């Protein structure tokens, strides 16, 4: 589904990621760990072609990212949902409209699933008409998950999605991501929260990728 072959990425004159070779298989669940600045966000951006590798090959849905044009990249990204830590919304539009923005941008008329059902699944049906500034941090993150899955993507990439949440809300968000994985979605979560990883491993066959010294290692089962 997403493959890295001897991938490196350089930034500011120095190599941030080096010699990465791995496969993210359909339906897999991965955590990405590493210290701040290690390159977790960069890795995720390589996964959806926001960045291109400075060396090696990244293949997404059997297409090598350097060989496809801008329109093909846009179509490919419809199959990838991204949840950012600092999720951005249009404050003058109600929550329901914000969630369906990917549909508007792509020109699609209807969501992959009923919007009311989707908002109910993330526990926000009662806030469909609310404006983003009135939402709590946990509500904003759950709205970000809803927006990420509105197109029915095959892959969900989440960049420190629980970084600003307390433990109870973090577990609630994790439950949503585990449910998506059980639906067959490939999940990659960048996080520094080892407790979150331990909790997830009780629910799903999650693997841990650790960035260390510019390389990605498969971490042991003791995490």
Protein backbone atom coordinates (compact mmCIF):
# COMPACT_ATOMS: atom_id res chain seq x y z
CA UNK A 1 0.00 0.00 0.00
CA UNK A 2 2.74 2.45 1.03
CA UNK A 3 6.35 1.37 0.47
CA UNK A 4 9.68 3.05 1.20
CA UNK A 5 12.79 1.79 -0.59
CA UNK A 6 16.10 3.22 0.65
CA UNK A 7 14.41 6.56 1.28
CA UNK A 8 16.24 9.58 2.64
CA UNK A 9 15.06 13.12 3.27
CA UNK A 10 17.34 16.11 3.78
CA UNK A 11 16.32 19.43 5.25
CA UNK A 12 18.33 22.59 5.84
CA UNK A 13 21.52 21.04 4.54
CA UNK A 14 21.36 17.99 6.82
CA UNK A 15 19.84 14.54 6.46
CA UNK A 16 16.75 14.12 8.67
CA UNK A 17 15.80 10.60 7.60
CA UNK A 18 18.16 8.06 6.06
CA UNK A 19 18.02 4.65 4.35
CA UNK A 20 14.40 3.80 5.22
CA UNK A 21 12.99 0.61 3.75
CA UNK A 22 9.59 -0.61 4.96
CA UNK A 23 6.07 -1.55 3.89
CA UNK A 24 2.77 -0.41 5.40
CA UNK A 25 0.45 -3.27 4.49
CA UNK A 26 -3.32 -2.94 3.97
CA UNK A 27 -5.15 -3.16 7.30
CA UNK A 28 -2.02 -2.75 9.42
CA UNK A 29 -1.77 -0.58 12.52
CA UNK A 30 1.50 1.22 13.26
CA UNK A 31 2.70 3.67 15.87
CA UNK A 32 5.58 5.96 14.94
CA UNK A 33 7.71 7.10 17.87
CA UNK A 34 10.85 9.13 18.41
CA UNK A 35 12.00 12.32 20.13
CA UNK A 36 10.75 15.74 19.10
CA UNK A 37 12.41 16.79 15.87
CA UNK A 38 13.34 13.23 14.90
CA UNK A 39 11.28 13.39 11.71
CA UNK A 40 7.90 11.85 12.58
CA UNK A 41 5.90 14.56 10.80
CA UNK A 42 8.29 14.41 7.85
CA UNK A 43 7.76 10.65 7.57
CA UNK A 44 3.98 11.12 7.51
CA UNK A 45 4.27 13.83 4.84
CA UNK A 46 6.29 11.43 2.71
CA UNK A 47 3.45 8.92 3.13
CA UNK A 48 0.98 11.22 1.37
CA UNK A 49 3.40 12.95 -1.02
CA UNK A 50 3.30 16.31 0.72
CA UNK A 51 7.09 15.92 0.58
CA UNK A 52 9.19 14.00 -1.95
CA UNK A 53 12.22 11.97 -0.88
CA UNK A 54 15.65 13.40 -1.63
CA UNK A 55 16.85 9.84 -2.29
CA UNK A 56 15.17 6.47 -2.79
CA UNK A 57 11.61 5.63 -3.81
CA UNK A 58 8.23 6.09 -2.15
CA UNK A 59 5.42 4.07 -3.69
CA UNK A 60 1.80 4.79 -2.75
CA UNK A 61 -0.96 2.51 -4.04
CA UNK A 62 1.52 0.98 -6.50
CA UNK A 63 2.49 4.37 -7.95
CA UNK A 64 5.96 5.82 -7.51
CA UNK A 65 5.40 9.38 -6.34
CA UNK A 66 7.99 10.95 -8.63
CA UNK A 67 6.30 9.50 -11.70
CA UNK A 68 2.82 10.94 -11.19
CA UNK A 69 1.50 14.41 -11.91
CA UNK A 70 -0.26 16.89 -9.67
CA UNK A 71 -3.78 15.73 -10.60
CA UNK A 72 -2.90 12.10 -9.90
CA UNK A 73 -1.40 13.10 -6.54
CA UNK A 74 -4.65 14.89 -5.67
CA UNK A 75 -6.68 11.80 -6.57
CA UNK A 76 -4.34 9.59 -4.57
CA UNK A 77 -4.72 11.78 -1.49
CA UNK A 78 -8.46 11.18 -1.52
CA UNK A 79 -7.61 7.68 -0.37
CA UNK A 80 -5.56 8.98 2.57
CA UNK A 81 -7.07 10.76 5.57
CA UNK A 82 -4.78 12.96 7.67
CA UNK A 83 -5.39 14.04 11.27
CA UNK A 84 -3.10 16.83 12.42
CA UNK A 85 -2.32 17.65 16.04
CA UNK A 86 -3.23 21.29 15.49
CA UNK A 87 -6.35 20.72 13.43
CA UNK A 88 -7.45 23.78 11.47
CA UNK A 89 -11.07 24.65 10.71
CA UNK A 90 -12.87 27.54 9.04
CA UNK A 91 -14.23 29.31 12.09
CA UNK A 92 -17.13 30.99 10.27
CA UNK A 93 -18.58 27.68 9.04
CA UNK A 94 -20.51 25.17 11.18
CA UNK A 95 -18.91 21.90 12.17
CA UNK A 96 -20.88 19.82 9.66
CA UNK A 97 -19.71 22.02 6.78
CA UNK A 98 -16.10 21.84 7.98
CA UNK A 99 -16.26 18.05 8.09
CA UNK A 100 -17.56 17.86 4.52
CA UNK A 101 -15.00 20.30 3.07
CA UNK A 102 -12.94 17.48 1.48
CA UNK A 103 -16.04 16.54 -0.52
CA UNK A 104 -16.43 20.11 -1.72
CA UNK A 105 -12.78 20.36 -2.74
CA UNK A 106 -12.91 17.06 -4.63
CA UNK A 107 -16.20 17.84 -6.34
CA UNK A 108 -18.02 14.89 -4.82
CA UNK A 109 -21.70 15.28 -3.99
CA UNK A 110 -22.11 12.80 -1.17
CA UNK A 111 -19.94 11.37 1.61
CA UNK A 112 -18.76 7.79 1.75
CA UNK A 113 -21.10 7.38 4.69
CA UNK A 114 -24.10 9.34 5.98
CA UNK A 115 -22.93 12.57 7.61
CA UNK A 116 -25.36 12.25 10.51
CA UNK A 117 -24.14 8.73 11.20
CA UNK A 118 -20.52 9.86 10.95
CA UNK A 119 -20.99 12.71 13.41
CA UNK A 120 -22.86 10.34 15.72
CA UNK A 121 -19.98 7.85 15.52
CA UNK A 122 -17.51 10.48 16.77
CA UNK A 123 -20.03 11.74 19.36
CA UNK A 124 -20.64 15.12 17.74
CA UNK A 125 -24.10 14.83 16.18
CA UNK A 126 -25.45 17.36 18.67
CA UNK A 127 -22.81 19.88 17.57
CA UNK A 128 -23.40 19.74 13.82
CA UNK A 129 -24.37 23.43 13.71
CA UNK A 130 -21.75 24.63 16.20
CA UNK A 131 -18.92 26.92 15.11
CA UNK A 132 -15.34 25.61 15.64
CA UNK A 133 -14.32 28.26 18.23
CA UNK A 134 -16.98 26.87 20.60
CA UNK A 135 -15.56 23.33 20.51
CA UNK A 136 -13.30 21.84 23.16
CA UNK A 137 -9.94 20.32 22.28
CA UNK A 138 -11.34 16.81 22.36
CA UNK A 139 -14.30 17.77 20.19
CA UNK A 140 -11.98 19.39 17.65
CA UNK A 141 -9.84 16.25 17.44
CA UNK A 142 -12.88 14.02 16.98
CA UNK A 143 -14.12 16.41 14.29
CA UNK A 144 -10.71 16.10 12.63
CA UNK A 145 -11.12 12.31 12.58
CA UNK A 146 -14.58 12.67 11.01
CA UNK A 147 -13.17 15.01 8.35
CA UNK A 148 -10.31 12.59 7.68
CA UNK A 149 -12.67 9.67 7.00
CA UNK A 150 -15.47 11.51 5.15
CA UNK A 151 -14.03 10.38 1.79
CA UNK A 152 -13.83 6.73 2.84
CA UNK A 153 -10.01 6.56 2.70
CA UNK A 154 -7.93 3.39 2.82
CA UNK A 155 -5.24 4.91 5.05
CA UNK A 156 -5.47 7.19 8.12
CA UNK A 157 -2.34 9.11 9.17
CA UNK A 158 -2.52 10.84 12.57
CA UNK A 159 0.22 13.21 13.71
CA UNK A 160 0.30 13.44 17.53
CA UNK A 161 -3.52 13.42 17.61
CA UNK A 162 -3.68 13.16 21.42
CA UNK A 163 -0.88 15.60 22.20
CA UNK A 164 -3.25 18.26 23.56
CA UNK A 165 -5.76 15.91 25.20
CA UNK A 166 -6.11 14.47 28.68
CA UNK A 167 -5.94 10.70 29.18
CA UNK A 168 -9.69 10.05 29.03
CA UNK A 169 -10.07 11.94 25.76
CA UNK A 170 -6.92 10.31 24.38
CA UNK A 171 -8.43 6.87 24.99
CA UNK A 172 -11.67 7.92 23.33
CA UNK A 173 -9.82 9.08 20.24
CA UNK A 174 -7.75 5.89 20.24
CA UNK A 175 -10.96 3.85 20.33
CA UNK A 176 -12.14 5.59 17.15
CA UNK A 177 -8.86 4.80 15.38
CA UNK A 178 -8.94 1.17 16.52
CA UNK A 179 -12.50 0.87 15.19
CA UNK A 180 -11.33 2.25 11.83
CA UNK A 181 -8.58 -0.36 11.74
CA UNK A 182 -11.11 -3.10 12.41
CA UNK A 183 -13.00 -1.81 9.37
CA UNK A 184 -9.89 -2.58 7.33
CA UNK A 185 -8.21 0.83 7.33
CA UNK A 186 -4.44 1.13 7.56
CA UNK A 187 -3.57 3.33 10.57
CA UNK A 188 -0.32 5.16 11.32
CA UNK A 189 -0.16 7.25 14.51
CA UNK A 190 2.84 9.41 15.35
CA UNK A 191 3.05 9.77 19.13
CA UNK A 192 5.44 10.05 22.06
CA UNK A 193 2.87 8.61 24.50
CA UNK A 194 4.04 5.12 25.50
CA UNK A 195 0.96 4.59 27.69
CA UNK A 196 -1.26 5.13 24.66
CA UNK A 197 0.74 2.54 22.72
CA UNK A 198 0.52 0.00 25.54
CA UNK A 199 -3.23 0.49 25.75
CA UNK A 200 -3.64 0.08 21.99
CA UNK A 201 -1.62 -3.15 21.96
CA UNK A 202 -4.23 -4.65 24.28
CA UNK A 203 -6.87 -4.02 21.63
CA UNK A 204 -5.18 -4.43 18.26
CA UNK A 205 -2.08 -5.97 16.69
CA UNK A 206 -0.16 -2.71 16.60
CA UNK A 207 3.48 -2.53 15.56
CA UNK A 208 5.83 0.21 16.73
CA UNK A 209 8.23 2.03 14.43
CA UNK A 210 10.90 4.05 16.20
CA UNK A 211 12.96 6.82 14.59
CA UNK A 212 16.47 6.78 16.01
CA UNK A 213 19.58 8.37 14.53
CA UNK A 214 17.73 9.14 11.28
CA UNK A 215 16.70 5.51 10.78
CA UNK A 216 13.40 3.73 11.44
CA UNK A 217 13.54 0.57 13.53
CA UNK A 218 10.86 -1.93 14.38
CA UNK A 219 10.59 -1.66 18.15
CA UNK A 220 10.30 -4.65 20.45
CA UNK A 221 7.06 -6.09 21.75
CA UNK A 222 7.79 -4.86 25.27
CA UNK A 223 6.44 -1.36 24.58
